[in-house]
Amino acid sequence: MTYLLPESVNDILEKFKSTSFKIYIVGGAVRDLFMNRTVHDWDFTTDAQPEDVLKLFADAFYDNKFGTVGIPIGDQTFEITTMRKEGIYKDSRHPTEVGWTNKIEEDLARRDFTINAMALDETGNIIDPYGGENDIKNTLVRAVGDPNNRFKEDALRMMRAVRIATQLGFDIEKETFKSIQQDALLIKEIAHERVRDELLQILASVNPYIGILKLREAGILQIILPEIESCFGVAQEGPKHDRIYDIGEHSLLSLKTIPSEDPLVRLAALLHDIGKPATAKTDETGNVSFYNHEVVGSRLVLQIAKRFNMSKKQTDKLFRLVRWHQFSVDENQTDSAIRRFINNVGLENINDAIALRIGDRLGGGTERAVSWRMEAFQDRIKQVLTKPFSISDLKINGQDVMDTLNIPPSKKVGEILNKLFEEVLEDHTKNNKEYLLEKVKSLN
């Protein structure tokens, strides 16, 4: 079968035709070509040693011990790795030694899943010794060889199986999934950053709800996010209410229904109620309350973000969404109240905060995504954002300035008001009389 390849990929293949070396396209690229999916990452393997590859490409570079040479072409860097067979793994991540081979079958044998263990040669022929084509046709993610060995080699492969299955809409083959359940504790040996990246990719997939369910069924979610597991089995209401979902189930359904494709916002939906188990109080009638659960939950979110080594920007966004997900939806709120809301969630996060509220609402069993009150509230936000904010909106005026400083009407009064106005524009919470009067004294 002939596959349409990018010019840059063809150029790399052509380079090898004039040599005695073999080169193959490998990994997910072959799988995606076979499935008529867009290929985002092109990887190659060859029987040429790294030093031989360096001679073929003027701009090539080699700075690792795993036989991978980087080939910069345009704004992309392609990787060509010498075919290898690996030795014993001792840390569920790195082999103790790497040995070169000139047999493509040996190189493919060390790969994670059959659908990623196919190679495409320069003539367009697929080499598929482990049944990847058949598993694609049957929509299965199956480990190459003994799944326990594959996961002991690199424990992150367990999450990768879930991620690939979620992205492609595949199932995980029975024995492969059973091994994931048996080996789930190995995920503790993986760096949190790698776990974070796989988790966010699962959340960015078309159906993140299914992916998170698979992680939980595998026993991995409980390890990487124990804060979520503590939510299962905790009732949301007392016996007089008819809610059928516990907090954990509600969180999963909020993730399922949130109208956002941003993986970080989806993570906020999953985590938004993690403060409830610690704040649950049952009164004498059996009703359950979770006072300040958003405050407790936001503190837990900070711990999770630190554990996953998230960026400052990611941490801030996640914190704000969880901390303020209980915002009041009232179309009659004053302009200053609306501005407080905007300041709390962040101007850039307004739509995400509303998306989280919609997911929270639908995840609780409400049929209508947006109530009339939410629609009116959104209109009020637009009004406040488009309404000019002027010096006349300050909580003090020129007379207050003159009385405080005991000065007559002058140019200085206007200068002080302008400075106060600029400061309040940056932070609307400072627009209160007590703060502004103290500030006036410092500007004298």
Protein backbone atom coordinates (compact mmCIF):
# COMPACT_ATOMS: atom_id res chain seq x y z
CA MET A 1 0.00 0.00 0.00
CA THR A 2 1.22 3.51 -0.82
CA TYR A 3 1.07 6.15 1.90
CA LEU A 4 1.21 9.89 1.28
CA LEU A 5 4.16 11.18 3.32
CA PRO A 6 5.31 14.75 3.97
CA GLU A 7 8.18 15.99 1.84
CA SER A 8 10.51 16.22 4.84
CA VAL A 9 9.82 12.58 5.74
CA ASN A 10 10.44 11.47 2.15
CA ASP A 11 13.71 13.45 2.16
CA ILE A 12 14.95 11.46 5.16
CA LEU A 13 13.99 8.15 3.54
CA GLU A 14 15.69 9.18 0.28
CA LYS A 15 18.95 9.92 2.10
CA PHE A 16 19.21 6.27 3.10
CA LYS A 17 18.48 4.83 -0.35
CA SER A 18 22.01 5.64 -1.48
CA THR A 19 23.51 3.80 1.50
CA SER A 20 23.68 0.19 2.63
CA PHE A 21 21.63 1.01 5.73
CA LYS A 22 17.97 0.30 6.35
CA ILE A 23 15.54 2.88 7.74
CA TYR A 24 11.95 2.46 8.95
CA ILE A 25 9.16 4.72 10.14
CA VAL A 26 8.04 3.30 13.49
CA GLY A 27 5.64 3.77 16.39
CA GLY A 28 2.43 5.74 16.47
CA ALA A 29 3.10 7.25 13.05
CA VAL A 30 2.63 3.85 11.37
CA ARG A 31 -0.50 3.19 13.40
CA ASP A 32 -1.98 6.57 12.45
CA LEU A 33 -1.10 6.11 8.78
CA PHE A 34 -2.84 2.74 8.81
CA MET A 35 -5.90 4.32 10.47
CA ASN A 36 -5.92 7.34 8.12
CA ARG A 37 -5.32 9.64 11.07
CA THR A 38 -3.21 12.79 11.03
CA VAL A 39 0.36 11.99 12.08
CA HIS A 40 1.83 14.47 14.55
CA ASP A 41 5.06 12.70 15.51
CA TRP A 42 7.36 10.98 13.03
CA ASP A 43 9.91 8.57 14.48
CA PHE A 44 12.47 6.50 12.60
CA THR A 45 14.72 3.57 13.39
CA THR A 46 17.75 2.35 11.45
CA ASP A 47 20.51 -0.23 11.54
CA ALA A 48 23.01 2.60 11.09
CA GLN A 49 25.05 3.60 14.13
CA PRO A 50 24.60 7.20 15.43
CA GLU A 51 27.94 8.28 13.96
CA ASP A 52 26.85 6.98 10.55
CA VAL A 53 23.60 8.94 10.73
CA LEU A 54 25.50 12.10 11.69
CA LYS A 55 27.50 11.82 8.47
CA LEU A 56 24.31 11.81 6.36
CA PHE A 57 22.81 15.02 7.77
CA ALA A 58 24.86 18.18 8.12
CA ASP A 59 22.73 19.67 10.94
CA ALA A 60 22.20 16.43 12.87
CA PHE A 61 23.05 16.25 16.58
CA TYR A 62 23.55 13.41 19.06
CA ASP A 63 23.70 14.04 22.80
CA ASN A 64 22.33 10.93 24.51
CA LYS A 65 23.27 7.32 25.14
CA PHE A 66 20.17 5.74 23.62
CA GLY A 67 21.17 6.03 19.98
CA THR A 68 18.78 8.85 19.07
CA VAL A 69 20.00 11.40 16.54
CA GLY A 70 18.05 14.64 16.05
CA ILE A 71 17.50 15.91 12.49
CA PRO A 72 16.29 19.54 12.31
CA ILE A 73 14.28 20.23 9.14
CA GLY A 74 12.45 23.55 8.95
CA ASP A 75 10.67 24.12 12.26
CA GLN A 76 10.60 20.40 13.12
CA THR A 77 13.13 18.03 14.63
CA PHE A 78 12.89 14.39 13.58
CA GLU A 79 14.42 11.59 15.63
CA ILE A 80 16.28 8.63 14.14
CA THR A 81 17.19 5.93 16.64
CA THR A 82 19.53 3.02 16.03
CA MET A 83 17.63 -0.27 16.31
CA ARG A 84 18.20 -1.68 19.74
CA LYS A 85 17.50 -4.49 22.12
CA GLU A 86 17.43 -3.65 25.78
CA GLY A 87 18.64 -5.36 28.89
CA ILE A 88 17.18 -5.59 32.38
CA TYR A 89 15.18 -2.68 33.84
CA LYS A 90 15.72 -1.93 37.54
CA ASP A 91 13.78 1.31 38.06
CA SER A 92 10.58 0.79 36.04
CA ARG A 93 11.88 3.38 33.61
CA HIS A 94 15.45 2.96 32.27
CA PRO A 95 17.23 -0.15 30.97
CA THR A 96 20.54 -1.00 32.66
CA GLU A 97 22.11 -1.35 29.22
CA VAL A 98 21.25 -0.78 25.58
CA GLY A 99 22.49 -3.05 22.80
CA TRP A 100 22.30 -2.29 19.08
CA THR A 101 20.73 -4.75 16.63
CA ASN A 102 20.23 -4.93 12.89
CA LYS A 103 16.98 -6.87 13.15
CA ILE A 104 13.81 -4.76 13.03
CA GLU A 105 11.84 -7.53 14.75
CA GLU A 106 14.10 -7.30 17.82
CA ASP A 107 13.66 -3.53 17.92
CA LEU A 108 9.87 -3.81 17.68
CA ALA A 109 9.85 -6.47 20.43
CA ARG A 110 10.90 -3.88 23.05
CA ARG A 111 8.01 -1.51 22.24
CA ASP A 112 4.95 -1.08 24.43
CA PHE A 113 1.84 -2.11 22.46
CA THR A 114 1.26 -4.08 19.28
CA ILE A 115 -0.39 -1.11 17.54
CA ASN A 116 2.83 0.85 18.17
CA ALA A 117 5.10 -2.08 17.23
CA MET A 118 4.75 -1.79 13.47
CA ALA A 119 7.31 -0.42 11.04
CA LEU A 120 7.03 1.01 7.54
CA ASP A 121 10.00 0.60 5.21
CA GLU A 122 11.03 2.96 2.40
CA THR A 123 9.08 0.91 -0.15
CA GLY A 124 5.78 1.26 1.71
CA ASN A 125 5.66 -2.24 3.22
CA ILE A 126 4.46 -2.67 6.81
CA ILE A 127 6.46 -4.97 9.09
CA ASP A 128 4.06 -6.26 11.74
CA PRO A 129 5.42 -9.26 13.66
CA TYR A 130 3.14 -8.83 16.69
CA GLY A 131 -0.31 -8.43 15.13
CA GLY A 132 -0.75 -4.68 15.39
CA GLU A 133 -2.89 -4.44 12.25
CA ASN A 134 -5.28 -7.04 13.60
CA ASP A 135 -5.54 -5.27 16.96
CA ILE A 136 -6.29 -1.99 15.18
CA LYS A 137 -9.10 -3.70 13.28
CA ASN A 138 -10.41 -5.11 16.58
CA THR A 139 -9.90 -1.75 18.38
CA LEU A 140 -7.65 -3.23 21.07
CA VAL A 141 -4.64 -1.96 22.98
CA ARG A 142 -2.52 -5.04 23.65
CA ALA A 143 0.95 -5.23 25.19
CA VAL A 144 3.76 -6.70 23.11
CA GLY A 145 4.60 -10.08 24.63
CA ASP A 146 4.17 -10.47 28.39
CA PRO A 147 2.34 -7.35 29.66
CA ASN A 148 3.86 -7.68 33.13
CA ASN A 149 7.33 -7.42 31.61
CA ARG A 150 6.32 -4.37 29.55
CA PHE A 151 4.97 -2.53 32.61
CA LYS A 152 7.93 -3.45 34.79
CA GLU A 153 10.19 -1.97 32.10
CA ASP A 154 8.34 1.35 32.20
CA ALA A 155 5.44 1.68 34.61
CA LEU A 156 4.13 4.78 32.83
CA ARG A 157 3.05 2.44 30.04
CA MET A 158 0.06 1.55 32.22
CA MET A 159 -1.25 5.11 31.99
CA ARG A 160 -0.22 5.28 28.34
CA ALA A 161 -2.43 2.25 27.64
CA VAL A 162 -5.38 4.10 29.15
CA ARG A 163 -4.49 7.29 27.29
CA ILE A 164 -4.15 5.61 23.89
CA ALA A 165 -7.37 3.63 24.40
CA THR A 166 -9.18 6.83 25.38
CA GLN A 167 -7.81 8.83 22.45
CA LEU A 168 -8.61 6.13 19.87
CA GLY A 169 -11.86 4.86 21.38
CA PHE A 170 -10.29 1.41 21.85
CA ASP A 171 -10.59 -1.16 24.63
CA ILE A 172 -7.63 -2.48 26.56
CA GLU A 173 -7.11 -6.19 25.87
CA LYS A 174 -8.20 -8.36 28.81
CA GLU A 175 -4.82 -9.79 29.87
CA THR A 176 -3.11 -6.43 29.37
CA PHE A 177 -5.65 -4.71 31.62
CA LYS A 178 -5.39 -7.45 34.23
CA SER A 179 -1.63 -6.86 34.36
CA ILE A 180 -2.20 -3.10 34.80
CA GLN A 181 -4.40 -3.85 37.81
CA GLN A 182 -1.75 -6.19 39.24
CA ASP A 183 1.10 -3.75 38.66
CA ALA A 184 -0.70 -0.49 39.51
CA LEU A 185 1.54 0.26 42.50
CA LEU A 186 4.53 0.56 40.17
CA ILE A 187 3.20 3.97 39.13
CA LYS A 188 4.61 5.29 42.42
CA GLU A 189 8.11 4.86 40.98
CA ILE A 190 7.39 7.25 38.10
CA ALA A 191 8.24 10.96 38.29
CA HIS A 192 5.17 13.05 39.04
CA GLU A 193 5.80 15.24 35.99
CA ARG A 194 5.47 12.25 33.66
CA VAL A 195 2.29 11.14 35.42
CA ARG A 196 0.93 14.69 35.12
CA ASP A 197 1.58 14.83 31.40
CA GLU A 198 -0.23 11.54 30.74
CA LEU A 199 -3.13 12.61 32.96
CA LEU A 200 -3.53 15.91 31.09
CA GLN A 201 -3.43 14.08 27.76
CA ILE A 202 -6.21 11.79 28.96
CA LEU A 203 -8.20 14.83 30.05
CA ALA A 204 -7.61 16.45 26.65
CA SER A 205 -9.05 13.46 24.78
CA VAL A 206 -12.49 13.30 23.20
CA ASN A 207 -13.92 11.33 26.12
CA PRO A 208 -11.91 12.07 29.28
CA TYR A 209 -14.70 10.64 31.47
CA ILE A 210 -14.03 7.15 30.07
CA GLY A 211 -10.30 7.59 30.57
CA ILE A 212 -10.65 8.55 34.23
CA LEU A 213 -13.04 5.63 34.78
CA LYS A 214 -10.44 3.29 33.27
CA LEU A 215 -7.74 4.73 35.52
CA ARG A 216 -9.92 4.11 38.55
CA GLU A 217 -10.87 0.61 37.46
CA ALA A 218 -7.17 -0.09 36.97
CA GLY A 219 -6.39 1.12 40.50
CA ILE A 220 -4.15 3.95 39.27
CA LEU A 221 -6.39 6.95 39.96
CA GLN A 222 -6.46 6.04 43.65
CA ILE A 223 -2.67 6.30 43.73
CA ILE A 224 -2.06 9.45 41.70
CA LEU A 225 -5.13 11.36 42.98
CA PRO A 226 -6.15 9.89 46.37
CA GLU A 227 -8.10 13.11 47.00
CA ILE A 228 -10.63 11.95 44.39
CA GLU A 229 -10.93 8.44 45.79
CA SER A 230 -11.87 9.84 49.22
CA CYS A 231 -14.95 11.39 47.59
CA PHE A 232 -16.53 8.06 46.66
CA GLY A 233 -19.07 6.76 49.14
CA VAL A 234 -19.68 10.20 50.67
CA ALA A 235 -23.34 11.14 50.27
CA GLN A 236 -24.17 14.66 49.11
CA GLU A 237 -27.57 14.99 50.74
CA GLY A 238 -29.58 13.61 53.64
CA PRO A 239 -32.36 10.99 53.54
CA LYS A 240 -35.03 13.56 52.58
CA HIS A 241 -33.30 14.30 49.27
CA ASP A 242 -33.36 12.23 46.13
CA ARG A 243 -29.85 12.76 44.78
CA ILE A 244 -28.44 9.42 43.67
CA TYR A 245 -24.80 10.43 43.15
CA ASP A 246 -22.14 10.48 45.82
CA ILE A 247 -19.42 13.14 45.63
CA GLY A 248 -17.05 10.99 43.60
CA GLU A 249 -19.72 10.07 41.07
CA HIS A 250 -20.83 13.69 40.87
CA SER A 251 -17.24 14.78 40.19
CA LEU A 252 -16.89 12.28 37.34
CA LEU A 253 -20.20 13.39 35.85
CA SER A 254 -19.15 17.03 36.13
CA LEU A 255 -16.05 16.13 34.11
CA LYS A 256 -18.23 14.30 31.59
CA THR A 257 -20.58 17.23 31.04
CA ILE A 258 -18.35 20.30 31.35
CA PRO A 259 -18.48 22.31 28.09
CA SER A 260 -14.73 22.92 27.89
CA GLU A 261 -11.95 21.16 25.98
CA ASP A 262 -9.20 22.67 28.14
CA PRO A 263 -7.61 19.77 30.09
CA LEU A 264 -6.86 22.05 33.05
CA VAL A 265 -10.49 23.18 33.29
CA ARG A 266 -11.56 19.56 33.03
CA LEU A 267 -9.17 18.74 35.87
CA ALA A 268 -10.81 21.52 37.90
CA ALA A 269 -14.18 19.85 37.27
CA LEU A 270 -12.78 16.58 38.56
CA LEU A 271 -11.29 18.24 41.65
CA HIS A 272 -13.83 20.95 42.45
CA ASP A 273 -15.46 19.08 45.36
CA ILE A 274 -12.43 17.35 46.91
CA GLY A 275 -12.87 19.53 49.99
CA LYS A 276 -16.27 18.03 50.79
CA PRO A 277 -15.23 14.82 52.62
CA ALA A 278 -13.25 16.83 55.20
CA THR A 279 -16.05 19.36 55.74
CA ALA A 280 -19.07 17.03 55.79
CA LYS A 281 -21.41 17.72 58.71
CA THR A 282 -24.69 15.90 59.37
CA ASP A 283 -27.35 17.64 61.46
CA GLU A 284 -30.02 16.08 63.65
CA THR A 285 -32.40 15.73 60.68
CA GLY A 286 -29.84 13.84 58.62
CA ASN A 287 -29.08 16.66 56.21
CA VAL A 288 -25.45 16.97 55.13
CA SER A 289 -23.62 20.28 54.71
CA PHE A 290 -20.12 21.07 53.42
CA TYR A 291 -19.44 24.53 54.76
CA ASN A 292 -16.28 26.11 53.27
CA HIS A 293 -15.53 23.02 51.19
CA GLU A 294 -14.33 25.25 48.35
CA VAL A 295 -11.72 26.79 50.68
CA VAL A 296 -10.48 23.39 51.87
CA GLY A 297 -10.60 22.05 48.31
CA SER A 298 -8.52 24.91 46.93
CA ARG A 299 -5.83 24.21 49.55
CA LEU A 300 -5.76 20.58 48.47
CA VAL A 301 -5.49 21.73 44.86
CA LEU A 302 -2.35 23.68 45.74
CA GLN A 303 -0.87 20.50 47.19
CA ILE A 304 -1.78 18.54 44.06
CA ALA A 305 -0.33 21.21 41.78
CA LYS A 306 2.90 21.18 43.79
CA ARG A 307 3.02 17.38 43.70
CA PHE A 308 2.64 17.41 39.91
CA ASN A 309 5.13 20.27 39.58
CA MET A 310 2.65 22.41 37.67
CA SER A 311 3.63 25.84 36.44
CA LYS A 312 2.71 28.95 38.40
CA LYS A 313 0.14 29.84 35.75
CA GLN A 314 -1.45 26.38 35.80
CA THR A 315 -1.52 26.38 39.60
CA ASP A 316 -3.14 29.82 39.77
CA LYS A 317 -5.85 28.89 37.27
CA LEU A 318 -6.65 25.58 38.97
CA PHE A 319 -6.74 27.23 42.40
CA ARG A 320 -9.03 30.07 41.29
CA LEU A 321 -11.50 27.75 39.55
CA VAL A 322 -11.84 25.46 42.56
CA ARG A 323 -11.73 28.22 45.20
CA TRP A 324 -14.46 30.29 43.57
CA HIS A 325 -16.66 27.63 41.94
CA GLN A 326 -19.41 28.45 44.47
CA PHE A 327 -19.79 32.03 43.18
CA SER A 328 -23.23 33.63 43.58
CA VAL A 329 -25.33 33.77 40.43
CA ASP A 330 -27.51 36.84 40.88
CA GLU A 331 -28.51 39.20 38.10
CA ASN A 332 -29.16 41.94 40.67
CA GLN A 333 -25.62 42.10 42.04
CA THR A 334 -24.03 45.54 42.15
CA ASP A 335 -21.26 46.51 39.79
CA SER A 336 -18.74 46.26 42.61
CA ALA A 337 -19.92 42.72 43.44
CA ILE A 338 -19.52 41.71 39.81
CA ARG A 339 -16.04 43.24 39.78
CA ARG A 340 -15.14 41.25 42.90
CA PHE A 341 -16.20 38.08 41.09
CA ILE A 342 -14.07 39.03 38.08
CA ASN A 343 -11.12 39.83 40.33
CA ASN A 344 -11.49 36.55 42.22
CA VAL A 345 -11.66 34.20 39.23
CA GLY A 346 -9.46 36.33 36.97
CA LEU A 347 -10.64 38.10 33.83
CA GLU A 348 -9.09 35.42 31.63
CA ASN A 349 -10.89 32.64 33.57
CA ILE A 350 -14.47 33.96 33.51
CA ASN A 351 -15.67 31.63 30.75
CA ASP A 352 -13.88 28.69 32.38
CA ALA A 353 -15.52 29.44 35.74
CA ILE A 354 -18.92 29.50 34.06
CA ALA A 355 -18.12 26.25 32.21
CA LEU A 356 -17.24 24.66 35.55
CA ARG A 357 -20.53 25.85 37.04
CA ILE A 358 -22.38 24.30 34.09
CA GLY A 359 -20.52 21.00 34.54
CA ASP A 360 -21.25 21.11 38.29
CA ARG A 361 -24.93 21.72 37.54
CA LEU A 362 -25.26 18.97 34.93
CA GLY A 363 -23.15 16.61 37.02
CA GLY A 364 -25.71 16.96 39.78
CA GLY A 365 -28.52 15.75 37.57
CA THR A 366 -29.97 19.07 36.39
CA GLU A 367 -31.21 18.72 32.81
CA ARG A 368 -30.82 22.31 31.65
CA ALA A 369 -27.21 23.44 31.26
CA VAL A 370 -27.80 27.17 31.77
CA SER A 371 -30.59 28.63 33.90
CA TRP A 372 -32.22 31.95 33.08
CA ARG A 373 -30.50 33.37 36.14
CA MET A 374 -27.08 32.33 34.81
CA GLU A 375 -27.90 33.92 31.45
CA ALA A 376 -28.86 37.16 33.23
CA PHE A 377 -25.70 36.98 35.34
CA GLN A 378 -23.56 36.63 32.21
CA ASP A 379 -25.29 39.69 30.77
CA ARG A 380 -24.43 41.62 33.92
CA ILE A 381 -20.77 40.63 33.56
CA LYS A 382 -20.79 41.94 29.98
CA GLN A 383 -22.37 45.18 31.14
CA VAL A 384 -19.75 45.72 33.83
CA LEU A 385 -16.89 44.84 31.50
CA THR A 386 -18.12 47.26 28.84
CA LYS A 387 -19.22 49.99 31.24
CA PRO A 388 -16.56 52.72 31.59
CA PHE A 389 -15.03 52.92 35.04
CA SER A 390 -14.26 56.55 35.85
CA ILE A 391 -12.86 58.64 38.69
CA SER A 392 -16.41 59.41 39.74
CA ASP A 393 -16.79 55.73 40.67
CA LEU A 394 -14.11 56.00 43.35
CA LYS A 395 -15.39 55.66 46.90
CA ILE A 396 -13.89 59.05 47.78
CA ASN A 397 -13.99 62.38 45.98
CA GLY A 398 -12.03 65.63 45.80
CA GLN A 399 -13.62 66.99 48.99
CA ASP A 400 -12.44 63.89 50.87
CA VAL A 401 -8.91 64.50 49.62
CA MET A 402 -8.99 68.17 50.66
CA ASP A 403 -10.43 67.38 54.10
CA THR A 404 -7.88 64.62 54.74
CA LEU A 405 -4.86 66.72 53.73
CA ASN A 406 -6.35 70.05 54.86
CA ILE A 407 -5.57 71.65 51.50
CA PRO A 408 -7.59 74.01 49.26
CA PRO A 409 -8.88 73.12 45.80
CA SER A 410 -5.85 72.67 43.54
CA LYS A 411 -4.23 70.70 40.74
CA LYS A 412 -2.80 68.40 43.38
CA VAL A 413 -6.29 67.11 44.28
CA GLY A 414 -6.82 65.93 40.69
CA GLU A 415 -3.36 64.32 40.54
CA ILE A 416 -4.06 62.35 43.71
CA LEU A 417 -7.45 61.17 42.42
CA ASN A 418 -5.81 60.05 39.15
CA LYS A 419 -3.21 58.02 41.02
CA LEU A 420 -5.92 56.39 43.11
CA PHE A 421 -7.94 55.67 39.98
CA GLU A 422 -4.97 53.95 38.29
CA GLU A 423 -4.43 51.77 41.34
CA VAL A 424 -8.09 50.78 41.61
CA LEU A 425 -8.16 49.93 37.90
CA GLU A 426 -5.48 47.32 38.63
CA ASP A 427 -7.29 45.95 41.67
CA HIS A 428 -10.96 46.81 42.19
CA THR A 429 -10.87 45.45 45.75
CA LYS A 430 -8.93 48.58 46.73
CA ASN A 431 -11.91 50.78 45.91
CA ASN A 432 -13.05 51.14 49.51
CA LYS A 433 -13.13 54.38 51.48
CA GLU A 434 -10.91 53.32 54.37
CA TYR A 435 -8.07 52.13 52.12
CA LEU A 436 -8.27 55.14 49.79
CA LEU A 437 -8.19 57.67 52.63
CA GLU A 438 -5.07 56.02 54.08
CA LYS A 439 -3.54 56.04 50.62
CA VAL A 440 -4.26 59.77 50.28
CA LYS A 441 -2.17 60.43 53.39
CA SER A 442 0.80 58.54 51.86
CA LEU A 443 0.54 60.60 48.67
CA ASN A 444 0.81 63.93 50.50
